[in-house]
Amino acid sequence: MNGNNNFEHGKLGEYICATSLLRMGLSATLINLDTIDLIVNKDRKLIRVQVKSSRHKLKDKNSNFRGYQFQTTYSGAKLPLTEDHCDVIAFVATDIEKVIFKPIKMFNNITKRFAKQHFLKKDVEKVTWDETMEAII
């Protein structure tokens, strides 16, 4: 992807996530409604998904961390996402087109980091989606 446009990078993450869900045989629709980027119809229950996108970073400003960093917030004020906003956060590594799903109720801080090897695990999308569904349904 050329440039550093955060909006376009976010859209890319949404499409990667939707494609991943569709490949798993799920009914997923992009909606972009406040804090909800996608809706998944799972056994007649609508699952609200917020997508967060990141590229691999060699290190951040404050440490030697190498990997992906995501903000689990919304709005310019960086308010934390809660169960009122969505059910699932999809963390998308856009450069390798991989997704890790987690239930929103797992988060009480605003930054989540993943090392690259977490995205490279076998069937990471299906495994983390199934774990997430067990936690919220």
N, C-alpha and C. Protein backbone atom coordinates (compact mmCIF):
# COMPACT_ATOMS: atom_id res chain seq x y z
N MET A 1 0.85 -1.18 0.00
CA MET A 1 0.00 0.00 0.00
C MET A 1 0.89 1.24 0.00
N ASN A 2 0.62 2.16 -0.88
CA ASN A 2 1.40 3.38 -0.97
C ASN A 2 0.90 4.39 0.04
N GLY A 3 1.81 5.20 0.52
CA GLY A 3 1.44 6.28 1.43
C GLY A 3 1.19 5.79 2.84
N ASN A 4 0.73 6.72 3.66
CA ASN A 4 0.50 6.42 5.07
C ASN A 4 -0.88 6.91 5.47
N ASN A 5 -1.88 6.67 4.66
CA ASN A 5 -3.22 7.14 4.93
C ASN A 5 -3.91 6.18 5.89
N ASN A 6 -4.14 6.61 7.13
CA ASN A 6 -4.75 5.75 8.14
C ASN A 6 -6.15 5.28 7.76
N PHE A 7 -6.92 6.16 7.11
CA PHE A 7 -8.27 5.78 6.70
C PHE A 7 -8.21 4.63 5.70
N GLU A 8 -7.37 4.76 4.68
CA GLU A 8 -7.25 3.70 3.68
C GLU A 8 -6.69 2.42 4.29
N HIS A 9 -5.76 2.54 5.20
CA HIS A 9 -5.20 1.37 5.88
C HIS A 9 -6.28 0.67 6.70
N GLY A 10 -7.11 1.42 7.36
CA GLY A 10 -8.23 0.84 8.11
C GLY A 10 -9.21 0.12 7.20
N LYS A 11 -9.51 0.73 6.06
CA LYS A 11 -10.42 0.08 5.09
C LYS A 11 -9.83 -1.23 4.59
N LEU A 12 -8.53 -1.24 4.32
CA LEU A 12 -7.86 -2.46 3.87
C LEU A 12 -8.04 -3.56 4.92
N GLY A 13 -7.86 -3.22 6.19
CA GLY A 13 -8.05 -4.18 7.27
C GLY A 13 -9.47 -4.73 7.31
N GLU A 14 -10.45 -3.87 7.09
CA GLU A 14 -11.84 -4.31 7.09
C GLU A 14 -12.10 -5.32 5.97
N TYR A 15 -11.57 -5.06 4.79
CA TYR A 15 -11.76 -5.98 3.67
C TYR A 15 -11.03 -7.30 3.90
N ILE A 16 -9.84 -7.26 4.47
CA ILE A 16 -9.10 -8.49 4.79
C ILE A 16 -9.90 -9.31 5.80
N CYS A 17 -10.43 -8.65 6.82
CA CYS A 17 -11.23 -9.34 7.84
C CYS A 17 -12.49 -9.95 7.24
N ALA A 18 -13.21 -9.18 6.43
CA ALA A 18 -14.43 -9.70 5.81
C ALA A 18 -14.12 -10.90 4.93
N THR A 19 -13.04 -10.82 4.17
CA THR A 19 -12.64 -11.94 3.32
C THR A 19 -12.33 -13.17 4.15
N SER A 20 -11.65 -12.99 5.24
CA SER A 20 -11.32 -14.11 6.14
C SER A 20 -12.59 -14.78 6.67
N LEU A 21 -13.54 -13.98 7.10
CA LEU A 21 -14.80 -14.52 7.62
C LEU A 21 -15.59 -15.25 6.53
N LEU A 22 -15.63 -14.66 5.34
CA LEU A 22 -16.34 -15.29 4.23
C LEU A 22 -15.69 -16.61 3.84
N ARG A 23 -14.37 -16.66 3.87
CA ARG A 23 -13.65 -17.92 3.57
C ARG A 23 -13.96 -19.01 4.58
N MET A 24 -14.32 -18.61 5.80
CA MET A 24 -14.70 -19.59 6.83
C MET A 24 -16.16 -20.01 6.70
N GLY A 25 -16.85 -19.48 5.68
CA GLY A 25 -18.24 -19.85 5.45
C GLY A 25 -19.23 -19.06 6.28
N LEU A 26 -18.80 -17.93 6.84
CA LEU A 26 -19.69 -17.11 7.66
C LEU A 26 -20.32 -16.01 6.81
N SER A 27 -21.46 -15.55 7.23
CA SER A 27 -22.14 -14.45 6.58
C SER A 27 -21.65 -13.16 7.23
N ALA A 28 -20.82 -12.40 6.51
CA ALA A 28 -20.23 -11.17 7.04
C ALA A 28 -20.54 -10.01 6.11
N THR A 29 -20.92 -8.88 6.71
CA THR A 29 -21.27 -7.70 5.93
C THR A 29 -20.56 -6.48 6.50
N LEU A 30 -19.90 -5.72 5.63
CA LEU A 30 -19.31 -4.44 6.04
C LEU A 30 -20.42 -3.44 6.27
N ILE A 31 -20.41 -2.76 7.43
CA ILE A 31 -21.47 -1.77 7.65
C ILE A 31 -20.95 -0.40 8.08
N ASN A 32 -19.83 -0.32 8.78
CA ASN A 32 -19.27 0.96 9.22
C ASN A 32 -20.30 1.85 9.92
N LEU A 33 -20.75 1.41 11.08
CA LEU A 33 -21.74 2.13 11.87
C LEU A 33 -21.14 2.42 13.24
N ASP A 34 -20.70 3.65 13.44
CA ASP A 34 -20.06 4.07 14.69
C ASP A 34 -18.88 3.14 15.00
N THR A 35 -18.98 2.32 16.05
CA THR A 35 -17.88 1.45 16.46
C THR A 35 -18.01 0.04 15.90
N ILE A 36 -18.88 -0.15 14.95
CA ILE A 36 -19.07 -1.47 14.34
C ILE A 36 -18.67 -1.39 12.87
N ASP A 37 -17.70 -2.23 12.49
CA ASP A 37 -17.23 -2.25 11.11
C ASP A 37 -17.89 -3.36 10.29
N LEU A 38 -18.17 -4.48 10.95
CA LEU A 38 -18.77 -5.64 10.27
C LEU A 38 -19.83 -6.25 11.17
N ILE A 39 -20.80 -6.87 10.52
CA ILE A 39 -21.79 -7.69 11.23
C ILE A 39 -21.64 -9.12 10.70
N VAL A 40 -21.60 -10.07 11.63
CA VAL A 40 -21.55 -11.48 11.25
C VAL A 40 -22.82 -12.14 11.77
N ASN A 41 -23.51 -12.85 10.90
CA ASN A 41 -24.71 -13.58 11.30
C ASN A 41 -24.27 -14.99 11.69
N LYS A 42 -24.26 -15.25 12.99
CA LYS A 42 -23.82 -16.54 13.52
C LYS A 42 -25.00 -17.21 14.22
N ASP A 43 -25.56 -18.22 13.60
CA ASP A 43 -26.70 -18.94 14.17
C ASP A 43 -27.82 -17.99 14.58
N ARG A 44 -28.15 -17.07 13.67
CA ARG A 44 -29.21 -16.07 13.85
C ARG A 44 -28.94 -15.05 14.96
N LYS A 45 -27.70 -14.99 15.39
CA LYS A 45 -27.29 -13.95 16.33
C LYS A 45 -26.33 -13.03 15.59
N LEU A 46 -26.55 -11.74 15.69
CA LEU A 46 -25.69 -10.78 15.02
C LEU A 46 -24.50 -10.45 15.91
N ILE A 47 -23.31 -10.70 15.39
CA ILE A 47 -22.06 -10.43 16.10
C ILE A 47 -21.48 -9.14 15.55
N ARG A 48 -21.25 -8.18 16.44
CA ARG A 48 -20.71 -6.87 16.04
C ARG A 48 -19.18 -6.92 16.12
N VAL A 49 -18.52 -6.58 15.02
CA VAL A 49 -17.07 -6.68 14.94
C VAL A 49 -16.46 -5.30 14.69
N GLN A 50 -15.48 -4.94 15.50
CA GLN A 50 -14.68 -3.74 15.30
C GLN A 50 -13.32 -4.22 14.77
N VAL A 51 -12.86 -3.66 13.67
CA VAL A 51 -11.61 -4.07 13.05
C VAL A 51 -10.52 -3.05 13.38
N LYS A 52 -9.37 -3.57 13.78
CA LYS A 52 -8.19 -2.75 14.03
C LYS A 52 -7.07 -3.26 13.14
N SER A 53 -6.38 -2.36 12.48
CA SER A 53 -5.36 -2.73 11.50
C SER A 53 -3.99 -2.21 11.92
N SER A 54 -2.96 -3.01 11.58
CA SER A 54 -1.59 -2.59 11.86
C SER A 54 -0.65 -3.22 10.85
N ARG A 55 0.45 -2.55 10.64
CA ARG A 55 1.56 -3.10 9.86
C ARG A 55 2.63 -3.53 10.85
N HIS A 56 3.50 -4.43 10.42
CA HIS A 56 4.60 -4.88 11.28
C HIS A 56 5.54 -3.70 11.54
N LYS A 57 5.88 -3.53 12.82
CA LYS A 57 6.78 -2.44 13.20
C LYS A 57 8.06 -3.06 13.76
N LEU A 58 9.18 -2.47 13.40
CA LEU A 58 10.45 -2.98 13.93
C LEU A 58 10.60 -2.65 15.40
N LYS A 59 10.13 -1.48 15.82
CA LYS A 59 10.05 -1.14 17.24
C LYS A 59 9.21 0.10 17.41
N ASP A 60 8.65 0.26 18.62
CA ASP A 60 7.87 1.47 18.85
C ASP A 60 8.75 2.51 19.55
N LYS A 61 8.19 3.65 19.90
CA LYS A 61 8.95 4.76 20.46
C LYS A 61 9.54 4.44 21.83
N ASN A 62 8.86 3.58 22.60
CA ASN A 62 9.23 3.39 24.00
C ASN A 62 9.92 2.07 24.32
N SER A 63 10.10 1.20 23.34
CA SER A 63 10.69 -0.10 23.66
C SER A 63 11.32 -0.71 22.42
N ASN A 64 11.81 -1.90 22.59
CA ASN A 64 12.37 -2.64 21.46
C ASN A 64 11.37 -3.62 20.90
N PHE A 65 10.09 -3.44 21.20
CA PHE A 65 9.05 -4.35 20.72
C PHE A 65 9.05 -4.40 19.20
N ARG A 66 8.99 -5.62 18.67
CA ARG A 66 8.88 -5.83 17.23
C ARG A 66 7.60 -6.59 17.00
N GLY A 67 6.72 -6.05 16.22
CA GLY A 67 5.46 -6.74 15.96
C GLY A 67 4.37 -5.77 15.55
N TYR A 68 3.17 -6.08 16.00
CA TYR A 68 1.98 -5.32 15.63
C TYR A 68 1.41 -4.67 16.87
N GLN A 69 1.03 -3.40 16.75
CA GLN A 69 0.45 -2.66 17.86
C GLN A 69 -0.90 -2.11 17.44
N PHE A 70 -1.89 -2.28 18.31
CA PHE A 70 -3.26 -1.86 18.02
C PHE A 70 -3.79 -1.02 19.17
N GLN A 71 -4.62 -0.04 18.84
CA GLN A 71 -5.31 0.76 19.85
C GLN A 71 -6.75 0.25 19.94
N THR A 72 -7.16 -0.23 21.10
CA THR A 72 -8.53 -0.73 21.29
C THR A 72 -9.41 0.41 21.79
N THR A 73 -9.43 1.47 20.98
CA THR A 73 -10.16 2.68 21.33
C THR A 73 -11.01 3.13 20.15
N TYR A 74 -11.81 4.15 20.41
CA TYR A 74 -12.58 4.79 19.34
C TYR A 74 -12.56 6.29 19.55
N SER A 75 -12.85 7.03 18.54
CA SER A 75 -12.92 8.49 18.50
C SER A 75 -11.54 9.12 18.68
N GLY A 76 -11.48 10.38 18.37
CA GLY A 76 -10.24 11.12 18.52
C GLY A 76 -9.77 11.22 19.96
N ALA A 77 -10.70 11.06 20.90
CA ALA A 77 -10.35 11.13 22.32
C ALA A 77 -9.77 9.82 22.84
N LYS A 78 -9.68 8.81 21.98
CA LYS A 78 -9.13 7.50 22.35
C LYS A 78 -9.84 6.90 23.56
N LEU A 79 -11.16 6.83 23.46
CA LEU A 79 -11.97 6.22 24.51
C LEU A 79 -11.94 4.71 24.36
N PRO A 80 -11.85 3.95 25.47
CA PRO A 80 -11.76 2.49 25.35
C PRO A 80 -13.05 1.87 24.84
N LEU A 81 -12.90 0.88 23.96
CA LEU A 81 -14.05 0.10 23.49
C LEU A 81 -14.54 -0.81 24.60
N THR A 82 -15.86 -1.00 24.67
CA THR A 82 -16.46 -1.88 25.67
C THR A 82 -17.50 -2.77 24.99
N GLU A 83 -18.14 -3.63 25.77
CA GLU A 83 -19.20 -4.49 25.24
C GLU A 83 -20.40 -3.69 24.75
N ASP A 84 -20.53 -2.45 25.16
CA ASP A 84 -21.60 -1.59 24.63
C ASP A 84 -21.35 -1.23 23.17
N HIS A 85 -20.09 -1.26 22.75
CA HIS A 85 -19.72 -0.83 21.40
C HIS A 85 -19.65 -1.97 20.38
N CYS A 86 -19.17 -3.13 20.81
CA CYS A 86 -18.99 -4.25 19.89
C CYS A 86 -18.83 -5.54 20.70
N ASP A 87 -18.86 -6.66 20.01
CA ASP A 87 -18.69 -7.96 20.67
C ASP A 87 -17.28 -8.52 20.47
N VAL A 88 -16.70 -8.21 19.32
CA VAL A 88 -15.44 -8.81 18.91
C VAL A 88 -14.53 -7.73 18.35
N ILE A 89 -13.24 -7.84 18.66
CA ILE A 89 -12.23 -7.04 17.97
C ILE A 89 -11.47 -7.98 17.05
N ALA A 90 -11.32 -7.55 15.81
CA ALA A 90 -10.52 -8.27 14.83
C ALA A 90 -9.22 -7.50 14.65
N PHE A 91 -8.11 -8.12 15.02
CA PHE A 91 -6.79 -7.51 14.87
C PHE A 91 -6.23 -8.01 13.54
N VAL A 92 -6.00 -7.08 12.61
CA VAL A 92 -5.58 -7.44 11.26
C VAL A 92 -4.14 -7.00 11.02
N ALA A 93 -3.30 -7.96 10.68
CA ALA A 93 -1.94 -7.68 10.23
C ALA A 93 -2.03 -7.50 8.71
N THR A 94 -2.09 -6.26 8.28
CA THR A 94 -2.39 -5.99 6.87
C THR A 94 -1.27 -6.44 5.94
N ASP A 95 -0.04 -6.38 6.37
CA ASP A 95 1.06 -6.73 5.47
C ASP A 95 1.11 -8.22 5.15
N ILE A 96 0.60 -9.08 6.07
CA ILE A 96 0.59 -10.52 5.80
C ILE A 96 -0.85 -11.05 5.66
N GLU A 97 -1.82 -10.15 5.74
CA GLU A 97 -3.24 -10.47 5.56
C GLU A 97 -3.71 -11.62 6.46
N LYS A 98 -3.47 -11.45 7.75
CA LYS A 98 -3.89 -12.42 8.77
C LYS A 98 -4.71 -11.69 9.82
N VAL A 99 -5.63 -12.44 10.47
CA VAL A 99 -6.54 -11.86 11.45
C VAL A 99 -6.55 -12.69 12.72
N ILE A 100 -6.53 -12.01 13.86
CA ILE A 100 -6.74 -12.63 15.16
C ILE A 100 -8.00 -12.01 15.75
N PHE A 101 -8.95 -12.86 16.14
CA PHE A 101 -10.21 -12.41 16.74
C PHE A 101 -10.14 -12.58 18.25
N LYS A 102 -10.69 -11.60 18.97
CA LYS A 102 -10.76 -11.67 20.44
C LYS A 102 -12.06 -11.05 20.90
N PRO A 103 -12.65 -11.58 21.99
CA PRO A 103 -13.85 -10.93 22.55
C PRO A 103 -13.48 -9.60 23.19
N ILE A 104 -14.32 -8.59 22.99
CA ILE A 104 -14.03 -7.26 23.54
C ILE A 104 -13.94 -7.30 25.07
N LYS A 105 -14.67 -8.21 25.70
CA LYS A 105 -14.67 -8.24 27.17
C LYS A 105 -13.31 -8.60 27.75
N MET A 106 -12.36 -9.03 26.93
CA MET A 106 -11.01 -9.35 27.40
C MET A 106 -10.15 -8.11 27.62
N PHE A 107 -10.60 -6.95 27.17
CA PHE A 107 -9.74 -5.77 27.16
C PHE A 107 -10.14 -4.73 28.17
N ASN A 108 -9.16 -4.34 28.98
CA ASN A 108 -9.37 -3.25 29.92
C ASN A 108 -8.29 -2.18 29.77
N ASN A 109 -7.42 -2.38 28.79
CA ASN A 109 -6.43 -1.34 28.48
C ASN A 109 -6.63 -0.93 27.03
N ILE A 110 -5.88 0.06 26.59
CA ILE A 110 -6.16 0.59 25.26
C ILE A 110 -5.14 0.16 24.20
N THR A 111 -4.08 -0.51 24.59
CA THR A 111 -3.08 -0.94 23.62
C THR A 111 -2.93 -2.45 23.68
N LYS A 112 -2.92 -3.08 22.52
CA LYS A 112 -2.69 -4.52 22.44
C LYS A 112 -1.58 -4.74 21.44
N ARG A 113 -0.62 -5.55 21.84
CA ARG A 113 0.51 -5.88 20.96
C ARG A 113 0.55 -7.37 20.70
N PHE A 114 0.92 -7.73 19.49
CA PHE A 114 1.12 -9.13 19.11
C PHE A 114 2.46 -9.25 18.40
N ALA A 115 3.23 -10.26 18.76
CA ALA A 115 4.42 -10.59 17.99
C ALA A 115 3.95 -11.24 16.69
N LYS A 116 4.78 -11.15 15.66
CA LYS A 116 4.40 -11.67 14.34
C LYS A 116 4.04 -13.15 14.38
N GLN A 117 4.73 -13.94 15.21
CA GLN A 117 4.47 -15.39 15.23
C GLN A 117 3.05 -15.74 15.64
N HIS A 118 2.36 -14.86 16.37
CA HIS A 118 0.97 -15.12 16.74
C HIS A 118 0.07 -15.17 15.50
N PHE A 119 0.36 -14.31 14.53
CA PHE A 119 -0.43 -14.29 13.30
C PHE A 119 -0.09 -15.45 12.37
N LEU A 120 1.07 -16.05 12.56
CA LEU A 120 1.53 -17.11 11.67
C LEU A 120 1.15 -18.51 12.13
N LYS A 121 0.44 -18.61 13.25
CA LYS A 121 0.00 -19.92 13.72
C LYS A 121 -0.97 -20.55 12.73
N LYS A 122 -0.95 -21.86 12.66
CA LYS A 122 -1.81 -22.59 11.74
C LYS A 122 -3.28 -22.28 12.00
N ASP A 123 -4.02 -21.96 10.95
CA ASP A 123 -5.46 -21.68 11.02
C ASP A 123 -5.81 -20.63 12.07
N VAL A 124 -4.98 -19.60 12.20
CA VAL A 124 -5.16 -18.59 13.26
C VAL A 124 -6.55 -17.96 13.22
N GLU A 125 -7.08 -17.68 12.02
CA GLU A 125 -8.39 -17.04 11.95
C GLU A 125 -9.48 -17.95 12.51
N LYS A 126 -9.52 -19.19 12.05
CA LYS A 126 -10.55 -20.12 12.50
C LYS A 126 -10.41 -20.43 13.99
N VAL A 127 -9.20 -20.68 14.44
CA VAL A 127 -8.98 -21.01 15.85
C VAL A 127 -9.41 -19.85 16.75
N THR A 128 -8.98 -18.63 16.43
CA THR A 128 -9.33 -17.50 17.30
C THR A 128 -10.81 -17.12 17.17
N TRP A 129 -11.40 -17.30 15.98
CA TRP A 129 -12.85 -17.05 15.84
C TRP A 129 -13.63 -18.03 16.70
N ASP A 130 -13.30 -19.32 16.63
CA ASP A 130 -14.00 -20.34 17.41
C ASP A 130 -13.85 -20.08 18.91
N GLU A 131 -12.65 -19.74 19.35
CA GLU A 131 -12.43 -19.42 20.78
C GLU A 131 -13.26 -18.21 21.21
N THR A 132 -13.32 -17.22 20.33
CA THR A 132 -14.09 -16.01 20.63
C THR A 132 -15.58 -16.31 20.72
N MET A 133 -16.08 -17.12 19.80
CA MET A 133 -17.51 -17.48 19.83
C MET A 133 -17.84 -18.26 21.10
N GLU A 134 -16.95 -19.15 21.54
CA GLU A 134 -17.18 -19.89 22.79
C GLU A 134 -17.26 -18.93 23.97
N ALA A 135 -16.49 -17.87 23.93
CA ALA A 135 -16.45 -16.92 25.04
C ALA A 135 -17.66 -15.99 25.08
N ILE A 136 -18.28 -15.73 23.91
CA ILE A 136 -19.37 -14.73 23.92
C ILE A 136 -20.75 -15.31 23.70
N ILE A 137 -20.87 -16.53 23.20
CA ILE A 137 -22.20 -17.08 22.93
C ILE A 137 -22.55 -18.10 24.00
